[in-house]
Amino acid sequence: MVHVPVDQPTEPATAALIGEVIEQMSVLAGHIRAAQRAAAVSIDPGMQAFGLKMLRHIARMGPTHAGALGAALAVDKSVISRHVKPLCELGLLRTEPDPNDGRAHFLAVTPLAESKLAELRAGDTAIVHRRLATWSVDDLHEFTRLLAQLNTP
């Protein structure tokens, strides 16, 4: 169901098209979730997709406090904590003391994690990448522009 503010009535045809966009985005999100699960399992059969999401974020942003990672990924710090130990045991994540606060620690990816993430990127196995690789440069620019517009509040 599409929620439209009362002060902005939507024509029925527009509302139907918005519903189609939402449906297609839902299908795409499902494909992305499945690809994330498969990518996590390719690193280790016991790894969860959220662990991969954590690794990718930390690799992109650098060493991060668990609280800041939770905020960035919109989850409670306890969710982060549950994933830290298995990732450390797999040799993909390490903790580093925060030099400014002896009680706090940073989470950082290991060289093994960096290597595994590079393998995933090089494999071009993600469904979105495979499908977008066939698009023209102009179509990719337009799609990027439209996604950026959708993501701007």
Protein backbone atom coordinates (compact mmCIF):
# COMPACT_ATOMS: atom_id res chain seq x y z
CA MET A 1 0.00 0.00 0.00
CA VAL A 2 1.32 3.42 -0.93
CA HIS A 3 1.20 6.11 1.75
CA VAL A 4 0.59 9.58 0.38
CA PRO A 5 0.46 12.69 2.57
CA VAL A 6 -3.02 14.23 2.68
CA ASP A 7 -1.78 17.53 1.25
CA GLN A 8 -0.40 15.81 -1.87
CA PRO A 9 -3.17 13.90 -3.64
CA THR A 10 -1.94 11.40 -6.20
CA GLU A 11 -3.68 10.58 -9.43
CA PRO A 12 -4.76 6.92 -9.62
CA ALA A 13 -2.45 6.24 -12.58
CA THR A 14 0.52 7.75 -10.74
CA ALA A 15 -0.31 5.79 -7.59
CA ALA A 16 -0.41 2.58 -9.65
CA LEU A 17 2.99 3.34 -11.20
CA ILE A 18 4.47 4.09 -7.79
CA GLY A 19 3.11 0.74 -6.62
CA GLU A 20 4.86 -0.95 -9.56
CA VAL A 21 8.14 0.79 -8.69
CA ILE A 22 7.83 -0.34 -5.08
CA GLU A 23 7.12 -3.91 -6.20
CA GLN A 24 10.18 -3.94 -8.49
CA MET A 25 12.34 -2.48 -5.72
CA SER A 26 11.11 -5.26 -3.43
CA VAL A 27 12.06 -7.90 -6.01
CA LEU A 28 15.50 -6.28 -6.42
CA ALA A 29 15.99 -6.17 -2.64
CA GLY A 30 15.23 -9.90 -2.50
CA HIS A 31 17.82 -10.60 -5.18
CA ILE A 32 20.38 -8.49 -3.35
CA ARG A 33 19.69 -10.28 -0.03
CA ALA A 34 20.11 -13.67 -1.75
CA ALA A 35 23.37 -12.51 -3.35
CA GLN A 36 24.62 -11.26 0.03
CA ARG A 37 23.85 -14.63 1.65
CA ALA A 38 25.66 -16.47 -1.15
CA ALA A 39 28.66 -14.12 -0.91
CA ALA A 40 28.88 -14.62 2.87
CA VAL A 41 28.73 -18.41 2.48
CA SER A 42 31.46 -18.26 -0.16
CA ILE A 43 33.76 -16.74 2.47
CA ASP A 44 32.77 -19.29 5.13
CA PRO A 45 29.79 -21.67 5.22
CA GLY A 46 28.84 -20.47 8.71
CA MET A 47 29.09 -16.77 7.97
CA GLN A 48 25.88 -14.74 8.03
CA ALA A 49 25.07 -12.05 5.48
CA PHE A 50 25.07 -9.39 8.21
CA GLY A 51 28.65 -10.31 9.09
CA LEU A 52 29.61 -9.60 5.48
CA LYS A 53 27.74 -6.30 5.64
CA MET A 54 29.74 -5.38 8.74
CA LEU A 55 33.05 -6.32 7.08
CA ARG A 56 32.25 -4.29 3.98
CA HIS A 57 31.34 -1.24 6.02
CA ILE A 58 34.46 -1.44 8.20
CA ALA A 59 36.66 -2.02 5.13
CA ARG A 60 35.16 1.06 3.48
CA MET A 61 35.21 3.33 6.53
CA GLY A 62 38.25 2.06 8.44
CA PRO A 63 38.46 0.99 12.09
CA THR A 64 35.16 1.74 13.78
CA HIS A 65 33.66 1.62 17.28
CA ALA A 66 30.89 -0.97 17.67
CA GLY A 67 28.40 1.75 18.62
CA ALA A 68 29.21 3.82 15.55
CA LEU A 69 28.94 0.72 13.35
CA GLY A 70 25.55 -0.10 14.87
CA ALA A 71 24.36 3.45 14.19
CA ALA A 72 25.65 3.35 10.61
CA LEU A 73 23.94 0.01 9.95
CA ALA A 74 20.80 0.98 11.90
CA VAL A 75 21.01 -1.88 14.41
CA ASP A 76 21.45 -2.14 18.16
CA LYS A 77 24.99 -2.48 19.45
CA SER A 78 24.07 -5.95 20.74
CA VAL A 79 23.57 -7.12 17.14
CA ILE A 80 27.10 -5.95 16.33
CA SER A 81 28.44 -7.70 19.45
CA ARG A 82 26.86 -11.03 18.44
CA HIS A 83 28.70 -10.95 15.11
CA VAL A 84 32.11 -9.78 16.33
CA LYS A 85 33.24 -13.03 17.98
CA PRO A 86 32.53 -15.34 15.00
CA LEU A 87 34.21 -12.87 12.62
CA CYS A 88 37.25 -12.69 14.91
CA GLU A 89 37.36 -16.49 15.13
CA LEU A 90 37.35 -16.68 11.32
CA GLY A 91 40.32 -14.29 11.27
CA LEU A 92 38.32 -11.63 9.41
CA LEU A 93 37.98 -9.05 12.14
CA ARG A 94 40.21 -7.85 14.95
CA THR A 95 39.75 -5.45 17.82
CA GLU A 96 42.18 -2.63 18.51
CA PRO A 97 42.31 -0.54 21.68
CA ASP A 98 41.19 3.06 21.21
CA PRO A 99 44.27 5.15 22.06
CA ASN A 100 41.98 7.95 23.27
CA ASP A 101 39.84 5.76 25.54
CA GLY A 102 41.38 2.70 27.16
CA ARG A 103 37.95 1.16 27.77
CA ALA A 104 36.87 1.32 24.11
CA HIS A 105 37.97 -0.74 21.13
CA PHE A 106 37.89 -0.28 17.40
CA LEU A 107 36.75 -3.04 15.07
CA ALA A 108 39.08 -3.45 12.08
CA VAL A 109 39.22 -5.86 9.16
CA THR A 110 42.21 -8.16 8.85
CA PRO A 111 44.35 -8.66 5.75
CA LEU A 112 42.46 -11.95 5.25
CA ALA A 113 39.14 -10.07 5.19
CA GLU A 114 40.56 -7.53 2.75
CA SER A 115 41.68 -10.39 0.51
CA LYS A 116 38.28 -12.14 0.69
CA LEU A 117 36.43 -8.90 -0.04
CA ALA A 118 38.70 -8.24 -3.02
CA GLU A 119 37.94 -11.76 -4.32
CA LEU A 120 34.21 -11.04 -4.07
CA ARG A 121 34.60 -7.78 -5.99
CA ALA A 122 36.78 -9.41 -8.63
CA GLY A 123 34.32 -12.27 -9.09
CA ASP A 124 31.62 -9.99 -10.46
CA THR A 125 29.10 -12.51 -9.20
CA ALA A 126 26.61 -10.13 -7.67
CA ILE A 127 23.34 -10.18 -9.54
CA VAL A 128 23.16 -6.40 -9.76
CA HIS A 129 26.66 -6.16 -11.21
CA ARG A 130 26.00 -8.89 -13.76
CA ARG A 131 22.81 -7.23 -14.94
CA LEU A 132 24.08 -3.67 -14.95
CA ALA A 133 27.24 -4.67 -16.84
CA THR A 134 25.09 -5.01 -19.97
CA TRP A 135 23.64 -1.50 -19.72
CA SER A 136 24.90 1.46 -21.71
CA VAL A 137 26.93 4.16 -19.97
CA ASP A 138 24.09 6.62 -20.58
CA ASP A 139 21.55 4.28 -18.97
CA LEU A 140 23.86 3.77 -15.98
CA HIS A 141 24.25 7.54 -15.54
CA GLU A 142 20.47 8.03 -15.72
CA PHE A 143 19.81 5.17 -13.29
CA THR A 144 22.39 6.58 -10.86
CA ARG A 145 20.79 10.02 -11.13
CA LEU A 146 17.33 8.62 -10.45
CA LEU A 147 18.51 6.52 -7.49
CA ALA A 148 20.29 9.55 -6.03
CA GLN A 149 17.07 11.54 -6.44
CA LEU A 150 15.09 8.79 -4.72
CA ASN A 151 17.63 8.67 -1.86
CA THR A 152 17.55 12.43 -1.26
CA PRO A 153 15.08 13.34 1.49
